[in-house]
Every structure is written in C-alpha cells, then in structure tokens.
Amino acid sequence: MICKSLLVVFSAANFVTYVFPALPFGLEIKYIISENIVFSSNFRMLNMVPAVTEPKLFWFVFTTSSGRSETFSTRLKTFYSHWKETKSDLWGSADVLAIATPPASEDLRYLKSSALNIWLLGYEFPETIMVFTKKQIHFLCSQKKASLLGVVKKSAMDAVGVDVVLHVKAKTDDRIGLMDGIFSAERSLSKADGNDNPIVGYISRETLEWKLLETWDDRLKNTGFQLSDVTNGLSVKDRDEIMNVKKARYLTYSVMNKIVRSLRM
C-alpha cells in the first residue's frame, strides 16, 4: 500500500528548515521527491538541489507493511536478548523493566525513555508507561495510543513469545487501579518463576514531572519491590542507528556544502 504526505521546506538566509510530519506506527519513508531532489529510503542522494531559495513542496512516499513490523520484531528480539545476556552487568540484575516516558516538552532534552520508544516502536509515546517482563509487556496509556500499540501484539508474540497487555487510562480516572493491576501481574509472574521478590529496573535519572508519572513513581517505590537503575542498559548504541547517524552527518555536510557554494557564487 502506498500513500503520500507533504513536506514543506522553508528557506531563510543561510539555513533551511525541514518540517517533517509525524509518522504513524506502521508507515515508513520509501522516497522523498521534489522537482529538484530525490532521496531513497536509505537517504542515498539520487539528485541534489544546489540550494533552496524559496518554499517548496516535497512529496513523501510511504509504504505500509511488513517493513515496520519486521523492524519491531527484530529490535524486540535484540532488546530481550541483550537484557538476558547482560542482566547483571548492565541491567542491574532487573527481572522486570519499568520505563515511564514523561510528557512532551519544548525544552531540548535527551530522554532514554523517549529514545527507547522511537527505537523500538518507531514513534514517541509520551505520558506512557511500559513494563517488560519475561512473559508480558504492559502499556499504560491513553485510548489513542492504545489503538496504535495494538498492532504490535502479534509481532511481540511471534518474536519473543510475550503477550502485550494494554491498560487504557480514562481522563477522569486516577489510574491507581490500573497501576496496581500491573504490579499484581508482576508479582504473580515472578512467583510462578519461583521469585518472590523481583528486582524492578527503572531509569532513576529521569524526572517524572507529570501527575500520572509522579503517582506511578510513588507507588512503584512503595510496592516492596527491589529497585535498580537500568540507565547503563539503555545506553548501548545500536549498530544500525550508528550507521543512520553517519548517513545523516554525510547528508547534512553535503547539503550545507552546496548551500555555501551557492551563496559564494
């Protein structure tokens, strides 16, 4: 299935601003096209525009499909394997991983919770709680986010044999009942594995400044679970992502080099 979306490029003095639309889960860029420039999905330059001197419209050509789902499955396998293999070295011996993503902010900041969202799911899910166990992945989120996350259920089961459980929060609900349900599931699964006191890993350095996340943080710290910081586990760089950064660096250099040359002419 192919669909299109507009990208507007604005030019002012010595810089160019690209305004990208957010990609829903399940869509990935196939080509970026205008009358002067074409990039393929791996950002290989097929035709470079010398410089953008006026607003232009670019077409995004997306494909849906197995592409994004396959990426999710591959990365979920990598995530669980890395957790298992380096559990004591990098993951604080955690039996459960509880990752809470703060609300979106205009401040420039780097959050490992958001990075995990984007790397694993291809999209940022602010105001969302993810809990990974050996047999289940729990998401506590809004109805809108739950509708997007529902598509990963089959992929998660096929990839690593885990059930995806969605806990949908209502606007008028304090969500405490949903949180307690997640904690209860954690205890039950751990006891079934002969572990009465599981270690729960979380990101200790991220400030949870929203009411829901503050409540989650407070209840987590009062569950009686052992807590462990898993920042180190989330600091490992993905080789494919490192390559993407290198491509982005090359693309930026090439574009700016063209712009500077054009301005000097």
C-alpha atoms as a PDB file:
ATOM      1  CA  MET A   1       0.000   0.000   0.000  1.00  0.00           C
ATOM      2  CA  ILE A   2       1.363   3.420  -0.996  1.00  0.00           C
ATOM      3  CA  CYS A   3       0.276   6.772   0.409  1.00  0.00           C
ATOM      4  CA  LYS A   4       1.627  10.319   0.206  1.00  0.00           C
ATOM      5  CA  SER A   5       2.179  13.219   2.567  1.00  0.00           C
ATOM      6  CA  LEU A   6       3.515  16.747   2.103  1.00  0.00           C
ATOM      7  CA  LEU A   7       6.790  18.068   3.444  1.00  0.00           C
ATOM      8  CA  VAL A   8       7.265  21.837   3.312  1.00  0.00           C
ATOM      9  CA  VAL A   9      10.802  23.223   3.104  1.00  0.00           C
ATOM     10  CA  PHE A  10      11.332  26.855   4.138  1.00  0.00           C
ATOM     11  CA  SER A  11      14.457  28.819   3.289  1.00  0.00           C
ATOM     12  CA  ALA A  12      15.771  31.885   5.090  1.00  0.00           C
ATOM     13  CA  ALA A  13      19.214  33.443   4.673  1.00  0.00           C
ATOM     14  CA  ASN A  14      21.804  30.762   5.355  1.00  0.00           C
ATOM     15  CA  PHE A  15      19.685  27.983   6.725  1.00  0.00           C
ATOM     16  CA  VAL A  16      16.985  25.584   5.649  1.00  0.00           C
ATOM     17  CA  THR A  17      14.300  24.252   7.982  1.00  0.00           C
ATOM     18  CA  TYR A  18      12.675  20.920   7.244  1.00  0.00           C
ATOM     19  CA  VAL A  19       9.236  20.353   8.755  1.00  0.00           C
ATOM     20  CA  PHE A  20       8.584  16.640   8.919  1.00  0.00           C
ATOM     21  CA  PRO A  21       5.134  15.196   9.669  1.00  0.00           C
ATOM     22  CA  ALA A  22       4.927  12.602  12.441  1.00  0.00           C
ATOM     23  CA  LEU A  23       4.827   9.050  11.143  1.00  0.00           C
ATOM     24  CA  PRO A  24       2.074   6.787  12.487  1.00  0.00           C
ATOM     25  CA  PHE A  25       3.233   3.333  13.523  1.00  0.00           C
ATOM     26  CA  GLY A  26       3.356   1.023  10.541  1.00  0.00           C
ATOM     27  CA  LEU A  27       4.437   3.659   7.997  1.00  0.00           C
ATOM     28  CA  GLU A  28       7.960   4.149   6.770  1.00  0.00           C
ATOM     29  CA  ILE A  29       9.523   6.511   4.246  1.00  0.00           C
ATOM     30  CA  LYS A  30      10.154   4.990   0.828  1.00  0.00           C
ATOM     31  CA  TYR A  31      11.163   8.081  -1.145  1.00  0.00           C
ATOM     32  CA  ILE A  32      11.316  11.851  -0.717  1.00  0.00           C
ATOM     33  CA  ILE A  33      10.684  13.607  -4.009  1.00  0.00           C
ATOM     34  CA  SER A  34      10.502  17.134  -5.459  1.00  0.00           C
ATOM     35  CA  GLU A  35      11.301  18.548  -8.871  1.00  0.00           C
ATOM     36  CA  ASN A  36      14.955  19.026  -7.852  1.00  0.00           C
ATOM     37  CA  ILE A  37      15.747  16.411  -5.252  1.00  0.00           C
ATOM     38  CA  VAL A  38      15.121  12.742  -4.680  1.00  0.00           C
ATOM     39  CA  PHE A  39      16.220  10.627  -1.741  1.00  0.00           C
ATOM     40  CA  SER A  40      15.668   6.929  -1.384  1.00  0.00           C
ATOM     41  CA  SER A  41      14.636   5.327   1.898  1.00  0.00           C
ATOM     42  CA  ASN A  42      18.267   4.948   2.969  1.00  0.00           C
ATOM     43  CA  PHE A  43      18.879   8.661   2.221  1.00  0.00           C
ATOM     44  CA  ARG A  44      21.183   7.939  -0.716  1.00  0.00           C
ATOM     45  CA  MET A  45      21.194  11.133  -2.792  1.00  0.00           C
ATOM     46  CA  LEU A  46      19.765  10.484  -6.226  1.00  0.00           C
ATOM     47  CA  ASN A  47      19.642  14.136  -7.327  1.00  0.00           C
ATOM     48  CA  MET A  48      20.829  17.079  -5.216  1.00  0.00           C
ATOM     49  CA  VAL A  49      19.309  20.558  -5.391  1.00  0.00           C
ATOM     50  CA  PRO A  50      22.032  23.306  -5.271  1.00  0.00           C
ATOM     51  CA  ALA A  51      20.177  25.423  -2.717  1.00  0.00           C
ATOM     52  CA  VAL A  52      16.606  26.080  -1.683  1.00  0.00           C
ATOM     53  CA  THR A  53      15.763  29.700  -2.461  1.00  0.00           C
ATOM     54  CA  GLU A  54      12.009  29.635  -1.944  1.00  0.00           C
ATOM     55  CA  PRO A  55       9.435  27.459  -0.167  1.00  0.00           C
ATOM     56  CA  LYS A  56       8.992  24.167  -1.951  1.00  0.00           C
ATOM     57  CA  LEU A  57       6.664  21.232  -1.643  1.00  0.00           C
ATOM     58  CA  PHE A  58       8.134  17.789  -1.326  1.00  0.00           C
ATOM     59  CA  TRP A  59       6.268  14.538  -1.631  1.00  0.00           C
ATOM     60  CA  PHE A  60       6.824  11.799   0.890  1.00  0.00           C
ATOM     61  CA  VAL A  61       6.076   8.358  -0.494  1.00  0.00           C
ATOM     62  CA  PHE A  62       5.384   5.907   2.300  1.00  0.00           C
ATOM     63  CA  THR A  63       4.940   2.184   2.378  1.00  0.00           C
ATOM     64  CA  THR A  64       2.990   0.270   4.976  1.00  0.00           C
ATOM     65  CA  SER A  65       3.537  -3.206   5.617  1.00  0.00           C
ATOM     66  CA  SER A  66       5.714  -5.687   6.999  1.00  0.00           C
ATOM     67  CA  GLY A  67       8.682  -3.338   6.989  1.00  0.00           C
ATOM     68  CA  ARG A  68       7.960  -1.567  10.232  1.00  0.00           C
ATOM     69  CA  SER A  69       6.592  -4.736  11.837  1.00  0.00           C
ATOM     70  CA  GLU A  70       9.739  -6.652  10.910  1.00  0.00           C
ATOM     71  CA  THR A  71      11.885  -3.883  12.387  1.00  0.00           C
ATOM     72  CA  PHE A  72       9.899  -4.031  15.631  1.00  0.00           C
ATOM     73  CA  SER A  73      10.229  -7.826  15.809  1.00  0.00           C
ATOM     74  CA  THR A  74      13.977  -7.729  15.158  1.00  0.00           C
ATOM     75  CA  ARG A  75      14.594  -4.994  17.709  1.00  0.00           C
ATOM     76  CA  LEU A  76      12.381  -6.612  20.343  1.00  0.00           C
ATOM     77  CA  LYS A  77      14.431  -9.805  19.977  1.00  0.00           C
ATOM     78  CA  THR A  78      17.624  -7.772  20.311  1.00  0.00           C
ATOM     79  CA  PHE A  79      16.246  -5.963  23.361  1.00  0.00           C
ATOM     80  CA  TYR A  80      15.257  -9.133  25.206  1.00  0.00           C
ATOM     81  CA  SER A  81      18.481 -10.953  24.245  1.00  0.00           C
ATOM     82  CA  HIS A  82      20.657  -8.071  25.422  1.00  0.00           C
ATOM     83  CA  TRP A  83      18.710  -7.830  28.672  1.00  0.00           C
ATOM     84  CA  LYS A  84      19.115 -11.558  29.301  1.00  0.00           C
ATOM     85  CA  GLU A  85      22.792 -11.759  28.344  1.00  0.00           C
ATOM     86  CA  THR A  86      23.954  -8.652  30.239  1.00  0.00           C
ATOM     87  CA  LYS A  87      21.374  -8.673  33.029  1.00  0.00           C
ATOM     88  CA  SER A  88      23.859  -8.432  35.889  1.00  0.00           C
ATOM     89  CA  ASP A  89      26.439  -6.273  34.098  1.00  0.00           C
ATOM     90  CA  LEU A  90      24.258  -3.549  32.571  1.00  0.00           C
ATOM     91  CA  TRP A  91      20.670  -4.039  33.703  1.00  0.00           C
ATOM     92  CA  GLY A  92      21.157  -4.027  37.459  1.00  0.00           C
ATOM     93  CA  SER A  93      20.038  -7.683  37.699  1.00  0.00           C
ATOM     94  CA  ALA A  94      16.496  -6.492  36.960  1.00  0.00           C
ATOM     95  CA  ASP A  95      13.800  -9.135  36.482  1.00  0.00           C
ATOM     96  CA  VAL A  96      11.288  -6.531  35.304  1.00  0.00           C
ATOM     97  CA  LEU A  97      11.844  -3.279  33.404  1.00  0.00           C
ATOM     98  CA  ALA A  98       9.519  -0.331  34.126  1.00  0.00           C
ATOM     99  CA  ILE A  99      10.028   2.556  31.704  1.00  0.00           C
ATOM    100  CA  ALA A 100       7.925   5.712  32.140  1.00  0.00           C
ATOM    101  CA  THR A 101       8.049   8.381  29.417  1.00  0.00           C
ATOM    102  CA  PRO A 102       7.418  11.996  30.531  1.00  0.00           C
ATOM    103  CA  PRO A 103       5.140  14.385  28.599  1.00  0.00           C
ATOM    104  CA  ALA A 104       6.419  16.151  25.503  1.00  0.00           C
ATOM    105  CA  SER A 105       8.304  19.367  26.209  1.00  0.00           C
ATOM    106  CA  GLU A 106       9.569  22.333  24.194  1.00  0.00           C
ATOM    107  CA  ASP A 107      12.834  22.135  26.134  1.00  0.00           C
ATOM    108  CA  LEU A 108      15.709  20.457  24.342  1.00  0.00           C
ATOM    109  CA  ARG A 109      16.426  17.288  26.291  1.00  0.00           C
ATOM    110  CA  TYR A 110      17.544  13.738  25.710  1.00  0.00           C
ATOM    111  CA  LEU A 111      15.434  11.088  27.412  1.00  0.00           C
ATOM    112  CA  LYS A 112      16.355   7.437  27.277  1.00  0.00           C
ATOM    113  CA  SER A 113      12.684   6.535  27.704  1.00  0.00           C
ATOM    114  CA  SER A 114      11.787   8.500  24.556  1.00  0.00           C
ATOM    115  CA  ALA A 115      14.773   7.040  22.711  1.00  0.00           C
ATOM    116  CA  LEU A 116      13.545   3.530  23.552  1.00  0.00           C
ATOM    117  CA  ASN A 117      10.060   4.424  22.268  1.00  0.00           C
ATOM    118  CA  ILE A 118      11.409   5.633  18.949  1.00  0.00           C
ATOM    119  CA  TRP A 119      13.982   2.858  18.505  1.00  0.00           C
ATOM    120  CA  LEU A 120      11.584   0.040  19.351  1.00  0.00           C
ATOM    121  CA  LEU A 121       8.221   1.372  18.146  1.00  0.00           C
ATOM    122  CA  GLY A 122       9.225   3.977  15.580  1.00  0.00           C
ATOM    123  CA  TYR A 123       7.267   6.691  17.362  1.00  0.00           C
ATOM    124  CA  GLU A 124       7.462   8.616  20.626  1.00  0.00           C
ATOM    125  CA  PHE A 125       4.801   7.775  23.237  1.00  0.00           C
ATOM    126  CA  PRO A 126       4.886  10.489  25.921  1.00  0.00           C
ATOM    127  CA  GLU A 127       2.812  10.076  29.093  1.00  0.00           C
ATOM    128  CA  THR A 128       3.068   6.317  28.687  1.00  0.00           C
ATOM    129  CA  ILE A 129       4.344   3.577  30.989  1.00  0.00           C
ATOM    130  CA  MET A 130       5.939   0.410  29.591  1.00  0.00           C
ATOM    131  CA  VAL A 131       6.632  -2.609  31.768  1.00  0.00           C
ATOM    132  CA  PHE A 132       8.621  -5.505  30.315  1.00  0.00           C
ATOM    133  CA  THR A 133       8.548  -8.945  31.937  1.00  0.00           C
ATOM    134  CA  LYS A 134       9.632 -12.334  30.639  1.00  0.00           C
ATOM    135  CA  LYS A 135       6.114 -13.202  29.504  1.00  0.00           C
ATOM    136  CA  GLN A 136       4.277  -9.891  29.126  1.00  0.00           C
ATOM    137  CA  ILE A 137       4.695  -6.292  28.024  1.00  0.00           C
ATOM    138  CA  HIS A 138       2.319  -3.864  29.742  1.00  0.00           C
ATOM    139  CA  PHE A 139       1.436  -0.441  28.349  1.00  0.00           C
ATOM    140  CA  LEU A 140      -0.432   2.098  30.475  1.00  0.00           C
ATOM    141  CA  CYS A 141      -1.556   4.795  28.062  1.00  0.00           C
ATOM    142  CA  SER A 142      -4.429   6.757  26.535  1.00  0.00           C
ATOM    143  CA  GLN A 143      -7.015   5.212  24.231  1.00  0.00           C
ATOM    144  CA  LYS A 144      -5.444   6.866  21.193  1.00  0.00           C
ATOM    145  CA  LYS A 145      -2.005   5.431  21.952  1.00  0.00           C
ATOM    146  CA  ALA A 146      -3.525   2.031  22.730  1.00  0.00           C
ATOM    147  CA  SER A 147      -5.069   1.930  19.249  1.00  0.00           C
ATOM    148  CA  LEU A 148      -1.588   2.434  17.761  1.00  0.00           C
ATOM    149  CA  LEU A 149       0.112  -0.069  20.059  1.00  0.00           C
ATOM    150  CA  GLY A 150      -2.456  -2.780  19.481  1.00  0.00           C
ATOM    151  CA  VAL A 151      -0.853  -3.657  16.152  1.00  0.00           C
ATOM    152  CA  VAL A 152       2.310  -4.990  17.828  1.00  0.00           C
ATOM    153  CA  LYS A 153       0.549  -7.778  19.734  1.00  0.00           C
ATOM    154  CA  LYS A 154       1.070 -10.487  17.139  1.00  0.00           C
ATOM    155  CA  SER A 155       4.607  -9.377  16.350  1.00  0.00           C
ATOM    156  CA  ALA A 156       5.592  -9.465  20.037  1.00  0.00           C
ATOM    157  CA  MET A 157       4.192 -12.958  20.493  1.00  0.00           C
ATOM    158  CA  ASP A 158       5.874 -14.245  17.330  1.00  0.00           C
ATOM    159  CA  ALA A 159       9.212 -12.584  18.114  1.00  0.00           C
ATOM    160  CA  VAL A 160       9.791 -13.373  21.798  1.00  0.00           C
ATOM    161  CA  GLY A 161       6.644 -15.150  22.998  1.00  0.00           C
ATOM    162  CA  VAL A 162       5.266 -12.323  25.150  1.00  0.00           C
ATOM    163  CA  ASP A 163       1.707 -11.049  25.483  1.00  0.00           C
ATOM    164  CA  VAL A 164       1.092  -7.327  25.020  1.00  0.00           C
ATOM    165  CA  VAL A 165      -1.349  -6.073  27.660  1.00  0.00           C
ATOM    166  CA  LEU A 166      -2.904  -2.629  27.186  1.00  0.00           C
ATOM    167  CA  HIS A 167      -4.162  -0.657  30.202  1.00  0.00           C
ATOM    168  CA  VAL A 168      -6.216   2.262  28.889  1.00  0.00           C
ATOM    169  CA  LYS A 169      -6.451   5.258  31.177  1.00  0.00           C
ATOM    170  CA  ALA A 170      -9.643   7.318  31.321  1.00  0.00           C
ATOM    171  CA  LYS A 171      -9.417  11.094  31.718  1.00  0.00           C
ATOM    172  CA  THR A 172     -11.411  11.061  34.952  1.00  0.00           C
ATOM    173  CA  ASP A 173      -9.618   8.070  36.460  1.00  0.00           C
ATOM    174  CA  ASP A 174      -6.667   8.374  38.871  1.00  0.00           C
ATOM    175  CA  ARG A 175      -5.196   5.227  37.209  1.00  0.00           C
ATOM    176  CA  ILE A 176      -4.196   3.759  40.560  1.00  0.00           C
ATOM    177  CA  GLY A 177      -6.267   0.663  39.896  1.00  0.00           C
ATOM    178  CA  LEU A 178      -4.506   0.124  36.568  1.00  0.00           C
ATOM    179  CA  MET A 179      -1.102   0.550  38.195  1.00  0.00           C
ATOM    180  CA  ASP A 180      -1.942  -1.905  40.956  1.00  0.00           C
ATOM    181  CA  GLY A 181      -3.083  -4.365  38.296  1.00  0.00           C
ATOM    182  CA  ILE A 182       0.339  -4.155  36.634  1.00  0.00           C
ATOM    183  CA  PHE A 183       2.134  -4.627  39.970  1.00  0.00           C
ATOM    184  CA  SER A 184      -0.103  -7.607  40.759  1.00  0.00           C
ATOM    185  CA  ALA A 185       0.723  -9.182  37.396  1.00  0.00           C
ATOM    186  CA  GLU A 186       4.441  -8.675  38.059  1.00  0.00           C
ATOM    187  CA  ARG A 187       4.184 -10.439  41.423  1.00  0.00           C
ATOM    188  CA  SER A 188       2.184 -13.340  40.004  1.00  0.00           C
ATOM    189  CA  LEU A 189       4.564 -13.924  37.113  1.00  0.00           C
ATOM    190  CA  SER A 190       7.605 -13.706  39.380  1.00  0.00           C
ATOM    191  CA  LYS A 191       6.130 -16.132  41.923  1.00  0.00           C
ATOM    192  CA  ALA A 192       5.350 -18.558  39.117  1.00  0.00           C
ATOM    193  CA  ASP A 193       9.078 -18.481  38.300  1.00  0.00           C
ATOM    194  CA  GLY A 194       9.990 -19.074  41.957  1.00  0.00           C
ATOM    195  CA  ASN A 195      10.988 -15.471  42.599  1.00  0.00           C
ATOM    196  CA  ASP A 196       9.052 -13.908  45.494  1.00  0.00           C
ATOM    197  CA  ASN A 197      10.952 -10.623  45.462  1.00  0.00           C
ATOM    198  CA  PRO A 198      11.680  -9.485  41.881  1.00  0.00           C
ATOM    199  CA  ILE A 199      14.048  -6.645  41.094  1.00  0.00           C
ATOM    200  CA  VAL A 200      12.381  -3.894  39.068  1.00  0.00           C
ATOM    201  CA  GLY A 201      14.619  -1.800  36.840  1.00  0.00           C
ATOM    202  CA  TYR A 202      13.788   1.828  36.129  1.00  0.00           C
ATOM    203  CA  ILE A 203      15.526   4.982  34.884  1.00  0.00           C
ATOM    204  CA  SER A 204      16.458   6.772  38.078  1.00  0.00           C
ATOM    205  CA  ARG A 205      17.851   9.887  36.394  1.00  0.00           C
ATOM    206  CA  GLU A 206      14.710  10.956  34.541  1.00  0.00           C
ATOM    207  CA  THR A 207      12.378  13.345  36.345  1.00  0.00           C
ATOM    208  CA  LEU A 208       8.747  12.285  36.154  1.00  0.00           C
ATOM    209  CA  GLU A 209       7.101  15.686  36.344  1.00  0.00           C
ATOM    210  CA  TRP A 210       3.549  14.769  35.342  1.00  0.00           C
ATOM    211  CA  LYS A 211       0.829  13.778  37.830  1.00  0.00           C
ATOM    212  CA  LEU A 212       0.309  10.299  36.399  1.00  0.00           C
ATOM    213  CA  LEU A 213       4.033   9.562  36.367  1.00  0.00           C
ATOM    214  CA  GLU A 214       4.545  11.057  39.810  1.00  0.00           C
ATOM    215  CA  THR A 215       1.834   8.724  41.099  1.00  0.00           C
ATOM    216  CA  TRP A 216       3.463   5.800  39.296  1.00  0.00           C
ATOM    217  CA  ASP A 217       6.881   6.634  40.743  1.00  0.00           C
ATOM    218  CA  ASP A 218       5.459   6.915  44.265  1.00  0.00           C
ATOM    219  CA  ARG A 219       3.545   3.637  44.078  1.00  0.00           C
ATOM    220  CA  LEU A 220       6.468   1.812  42.476  1.00  0.00           C
ATOM    221  CA  LYS A 221       8.763   2.850  45.314  1.00  0.00           C
ATOM    222  CA  ASN A 222       6.209   1.654  47.877  1.00  0.00           C
ATOM    223  CA  THR A 223       5.448  -1.755  46.394  1.00  0.00           C
ATOM    224  CA  GLY A 224       8.181  -3.514  48.334  1.00  0.00           C
ATOM    225  CA  PHE A 225       9.980  -4.457  45.115  1.00  0.00           C
ATOM    226  CA  GLN A 226      13.731  -4.117  44.977  1.00  0.00           C
ATOM    227  CA  LEU A 227      14.579  -1.262  42.618  1.00  0.00           C
ATOM    228  CA  SER A 228      17.601  -0.957  40.360  1.00  0.00           C
ATOM    229  CA  ASP A 229      18.780   1.698  37.898  1.00  0.00           C
ATOM    230  CA  VAL A 230      18.931   0.427  34.292  1.00  0.00           C
ATOM    231  CA  THR A 231      20.397   3.544  32.680  1.00  0.00           C
ATOM    232  CA  ASN A 232      23.519   1.639  31.604  1.00  0.00           C
ATOM    233  CA  GLY A 233      21.490  -0.989  29.780  1.00  0.00           C
ATOM    234  CA  LEU A 234      19.722   1.708  27.783  1.00  0.00           C
ATOM    235  CA  SER A 235      22.997   3.439  26.914  1.00  0.00           C
ATOM    236  CA  VAL A 236      24.195   0.769  24.491  1.00  0.00           C
ATOM    237  CA  LYS A 237      24.154   2.027  20.891  1.00  0.00           C
ATOM    238  CA  ASP A 238      22.511   0.084  18.081  1.00  0.00           C
ATOM    239  CA  ARG A 239      24.898  -0.505  15.143  1.00  0.00           C
ATOM    240  CA  ASP A 240      22.191   0.280  12.576  1.00  0.00           C
ATOM    241  CA  GLU A 241      21.394   3.535  14.361  1.00  0.00           C
ATOM    242  CA  ILE A 242      25.075   4.488  14.410  1.00  0.00           C
ATOM    243  CA  MET A 243      25.109   3.976  10.639  1.00  0.00           C
ATOM    244  CA  ASN A 244      21.989   6.157  10.311  1.00  0.00           C
ATOM    245  CA  VAL A 245      23.764   8.924  12.244  1.00  0.00           C
ATOM    246  CA  LYS A 246      26.727   8.675   9.871  1.00  0.00           C
ATOM    247  CA  LYS A 247      24.401   8.926   6.878  1.00  0.00           C
ATOM    248  CA  ALA A 248      22.654  11.930   8.419  1.00  0.00           C
ATOM    249  CA  ARG A 249      26.029  13.571   9.037  1.00  0.00           C
ATOM    250  CA  TYR A 250      27.061  12.996   5.421  1.00  0.00           C
ATOM    251  CA  LEU A 251      23.714  14.296   4.147  1.00  0.00           C
ATOM    252  CA  THR A 252      23.944  17.428   6.317  1.00  0.00           C
ATOM    253  CA  TYR A 253      27.508  18.092   5.176  1.00  0.00           C
ATOM    254  CA  SER A 254      26.569  17.664   1.518  1.00  0.00           C
ATOM    255  CA  VAL A 255      23.542  19.966   1.755  1.00  0.00           C
ATOM    256  CA  MET A 256      25.399  22.680   3.653  1.00  0.00           C
ATOM    257  CA  ASN A 257      28.356  22.415   1.273  1.00  0.00           C
ATOM    258  CA  LYS A 258      26.009  23.005  -1.677  1.00  0.00           C
ATOM    259  CA  ILE A 259      24.366  25.950   0.089  1.00  0.00           C
ATOM    260  CA  VAL A 260      27.696  27.600   0.976  1.00  0.00           C
ATOM    261  CA  ARG A 261      28.966  27.188  -2.589  1.00  0.00           C
ATOM    262  CA  SER A 262      25.751  28.673  -3.942  1.00  0.00           C
ATOM    263  CA  LEU A 263      25.997  31.698  -1.640  1.00  0.00           C
ATOM    264  CA  ARG A 264      29.572  32.362  -2.728  1.00  0.00           C
ATOM    265  CA  MET A 265      28.661  32.370  -6.423  1.00  0.00           C
END
